[in-house]
């Protein structure tokens, strides 16, 4: 597991200051085989950790259960 600082992942949307942009680090994108357009599911774990799951993989797993 790798830890990142809040400011390295989140920024204010310059087009809409009411919203925040999450930037997934390139090394995670590459490792997971993700690209722009990959559908993801975000959830919050213990102590505020973010859990990011490929939505297509999650749906396949649920179908097999």
N, C-alpha and C. Protein backbone atom coordinates (compact mmCIF):
# COMPACT_ATOMS: atom_id res chain seq x y z
N UNK A 1 0.85 -1.17 0.00
CA UNK A 1 0.00 0.00 0.00
C UNK A 1 0.90 1.23 0.00
N UNK A 2 0.50 2.22 -0.76
CA UNK A 2 1.26 3.46 -0.84
C UNK A 2 0.41 4.60 -0.30
N UNK A 3 1.04 5.53 0.37
CA UNK A 3 0.34 6.67 0.92
C UNK A 3 0.66 7.92 0.11
N UNK A 4 -0.34 8.77 -0.06
CA UNK A 4 -0.19 10.03 -0.79
C UNK A 4 -0.73 11.16 0.07
N UNK A 5 -0.21 12.34 -0.11
CA UNK A 5 -0.72 13.52 0.58
C UNK A 5 -1.97 14.00 -0.13
N UNK A 6 -2.88 14.56 0.65
CA UNK A 6 -4.13 15.09 0.12
C UNK A 6 -3.88 16.02 -1.06
N UNK A 7 -2.96 16.96 -0.89
CA UNK A 7 -2.70 17.96 -1.93
C UNK A 7 -2.10 17.37 -3.20
N UNK A 8 -1.56 16.16 -3.12
CA UNK A 8 -1.03 15.49 -4.32
C UNK A 8 -2.15 14.84 -5.14
N UNK A 9 -3.29 14.60 -4.52
CA UNK A 9 -4.39 13.89 -5.19
C UNK A 9 -5.58 14.77 -5.52
N UNK A 10 -5.83 15.79 -4.72
CA UNK A 10 -7.04 16.59 -4.86
C UNK A 10 -6.71 18.04 -5.20
N UNK A 11 -7.51 18.61 -6.09
CA UNK A 11 -7.38 20.03 -6.42
C UNK A 11 -8.77 20.61 -6.69
N UNK A 12 -8.89 21.91 -6.53
CA UNK A 12 -10.16 22.59 -6.79
C UNK A 12 -10.34 22.67 -8.30
N UNK A 13 -11.54 22.38 -8.76
CA UNK A 13 -11.87 22.48 -10.18
C UNK A 13 -11.87 23.95 -10.57
N UNK A 14 -10.97 24.38 -11.46
CA UNK A 14 -10.91 25.80 -11.82
C UNK A 14 -12.18 26.29 -12.52
N UNK A 15 -12.93 25.38 -13.14
CA UNK A 15 -14.17 25.75 -13.81
C UNK A 15 -15.36 25.79 -12.86
N UNK A 16 -15.22 25.15 -11.71
CA UNK A 16 -16.31 25.10 -10.73
C UNK A 16 -15.71 24.92 -9.34
N UNK A 17 -15.39 26.03 -8.67
CA UNK A 17 -14.73 25.97 -7.36
C UNK A 17 -15.49 25.21 -6.28
N UNK A 18 -16.74 24.87 -6.55
CA UNK A 18 -17.53 24.09 -5.60
C UNK A 18 -17.15 22.60 -5.65
N UNK A 19 -16.43 22.20 -6.70
CA UNK A 19 -16.08 20.79 -6.91
C UNK A 19 -14.58 20.56 -6.76
N UNK A 20 -14.24 19.34 -6.46
CA UNK A 20 -12.85 18.93 -6.28
C UNK A 20 -12.52 17.86 -7.33
N UNK A 21 -11.30 17.92 -7.85
CA UNK A 21 -10.83 16.95 -8.84
C UNK A 21 -9.89 15.97 -8.16
N UNK A 22 -10.12 14.67 -8.38
CA UNK A 22 -9.22 13.62 -7.89
C UNK A 22 -8.31 13.23 -9.04
N UNK A 23 -7.01 13.32 -8.81
CA UNK A 23 -6.03 12.89 -9.81
C UNK A 23 -5.41 11.59 -9.32
N UNK A 24 -5.63 10.52 -10.07
CA UNK A 24 -5.03 9.23 -9.72
C UNK A 24 -3.61 9.24 -10.26
N UNK A 25 -2.62 8.99 -9.41
CA UNK A 25 -1.22 9.03 -9.84
C UNK A 25 -0.94 8.10 -11.02
N UNK A 26 -0.09 8.54 -11.96
CA UNK A 26 0.21 7.75 -13.15
C UNK A 26 0.71 6.34 -12.84
N UNK A 27 1.49 6.17 -11.76
CA UNK A 27 2.01 4.84 -11.45
C UNK A 27 0.89 3.87 -11.06
N UNK A 28 -0.16 4.39 -10.44
CA UNK A 28 -1.31 3.54 -10.11
C UNK A 28 -2.08 3.20 -11.39
N UNK A 29 -2.29 4.22 -12.23
CA UNK A 29 -3.00 3.99 -13.50
C UNK A 29 -2.30 2.90 -14.31
N UNK A 30 -0.98 3.01 -14.40
CA UNK A 30 -0.20 2.04 -15.19
C UNK A 30 -0.25 0.65 -14.57
N UNK A 31 -0.05 0.57 -13.26
CA UNK A 31 -0.05 -0.72 -12.57
C UNK A 31 -1.38 -1.43 -12.72
N UNK A 32 -2.48 -0.68 -12.61
CA UNK A 32 -3.82 -1.27 -12.68
C UNK A 32 -4.29 -1.47 -14.12
N UNK A 33 -3.57 -0.91 -15.09
CA UNK A 33 -3.99 -1.03 -16.49
C UNK A 33 -5.17 -0.11 -16.81
N UNK A 34 -5.33 0.95 -16.02
CA UNK A 34 -6.42 1.90 -16.22
C UNK A 34 -6.00 2.96 -17.21
N UNK A 35 -6.98 3.62 -17.80
CA UNK A 35 -6.75 4.70 -18.75
C UNK A 35 -7.91 5.69 -18.61
N UNK A 36 -7.81 6.81 -19.26
CA UNK A 36 -8.91 7.76 -19.23
C UNK A 36 -10.15 7.06 -19.75
N UNK A 37 -11.22 7.15 -19.02
CA UNK A 37 -12.47 6.48 -19.41
C UNK A 37 -12.75 5.21 -18.62
N UNK A 38 -11.76 4.70 -17.88
CA UNK A 38 -11.99 3.52 -17.05
C UNK A 38 -13.00 3.89 -15.97
N UNK A 39 -14.01 3.07 -15.83
CA UNK A 39 -15.04 3.31 -14.82
C UNK A 39 -14.53 2.78 -13.48
N UNK A 40 -14.59 3.63 -12.45
CA UNK A 40 -14.10 3.23 -11.13
C UNK A 40 -15.17 3.45 -10.08
N UNK A 41 -15.01 2.73 -8.98
CA UNK A 41 -15.89 2.87 -7.82
C UNK A 41 -15.00 3.33 -6.66
N UNK A 42 -15.41 4.41 -6.00
CA UNK A 42 -14.67 4.93 -4.86
C UNK A 42 -15.44 4.67 -3.58
N UNK A 43 -14.72 4.22 -2.56
CA UNK A 43 -15.31 4.08 -1.25
C UNK A 43 -14.28 4.53 -0.22
N UNK A 44 -14.75 4.85 0.96
CA UNK A 44 -13.86 5.32 2.02
C UNK A 44 -13.68 4.20 3.03
N UNK A 45 -12.42 3.89 3.31
CA UNK A 45 -12.10 2.83 4.26
C UNK A 45 -11.79 3.39 5.63
N UNK A 46 -11.21 2.54 6.46
CA UNK A 46 -10.82 2.94 7.81
C UNK A 46 -9.87 4.13 7.77
N UNK A 47 -10.02 5.01 8.72
CA UNK A 47 -9.15 6.17 8.89
C UNK A 47 -9.11 7.06 7.66
N UNK A 48 -10.17 7.06 6.85
CA UNK A 48 -10.27 7.96 5.71
C UNK A 48 -9.55 7.52 4.46
N UNK A 49 -9.09 6.27 4.41
CA UNK A 49 -8.41 5.81 3.21
C UNK A 49 -9.40 5.69 2.06
N UNK A 50 -8.92 5.93 0.83
CA UNK A 50 -9.75 5.77 -0.36
C UNK A 50 -9.51 4.39 -0.95
N UNK A 51 -10.59 3.72 -1.28
CA UNK A 51 -10.51 2.41 -1.92
C UNK A 51 -11.05 2.60 -3.33
N UNK A 52 -10.19 2.37 -4.32
CA UNK A 52 -10.56 2.57 -5.72
C UNK A 52 -10.60 1.21 -6.39
N UNK A 53 -11.76 0.89 -6.98
CA UNK A 53 -11.96 -0.41 -7.61
C UNK A 53 -12.42 -0.20 -9.05
N UNK A 54 -11.87 -0.98 -9.95
CA UNK A 54 -12.33 -0.96 -11.34
C UNK A 54 -13.77 -1.47 -11.35
N UNK A 55 -14.69 -0.65 -11.80
CA UNK A 55 -16.11 -0.98 -11.75
C UNK A 55 -16.44 -2.21 -12.59
N UNK A 56 -15.79 -2.35 -13.74
CA UNK A 56 -16.02 -3.53 -14.58
C UNK A 56 -15.59 -4.80 -13.86
N UNK A 57 -14.44 -4.76 -13.18
CA UNK A 57 -13.97 -5.93 -12.42
C UNK A 57 -14.93 -6.24 -11.26
N UNK A 58 -15.41 -5.20 -10.60
CA UNK A 58 -16.34 -5.38 -9.49
C UNK A 58 -17.64 -6.03 -9.97
N UNK A 59 -18.15 -5.58 -11.11
CA UNK A 59 -19.39 -6.16 -11.66
C UNK A 59 -19.19 -7.62 -12.07
N UNK A 60 -18.03 -7.95 -12.65
CA UNK A 60 -17.74 -9.34 -13.03
C UNK A 60 -17.69 -10.22 -11.79
N UNK A 61 -17.05 -9.71 -10.73
CA UNK A 61 -16.92 -10.47 -9.49
C UNK A 61 -18.31 -10.74 -8.89
N UNK A 62 -19.17 -9.72 -8.89
CA UNK A 62 -20.51 -9.87 -8.32
C UNK A 62 -21.34 -10.87 -9.12
N UNK A 63 -21.17 -10.93 -10.42
CA UNK A 63 -21.90 -11.88 -11.27
C UNK A 63 -21.48 -13.31 -10.98
N UNK A 64 -20.21 -13.51 -10.63
CA UNK A 64 -19.69 -14.85 -10.38
C UNK A 64 -20.01 -15.36 -8.97
N UNK A 65 -20.54 -14.50 -8.12
CA UNK A 65 -20.84 -14.93 -6.74
C UNK A 65 -22.22 -15.54 -6.64
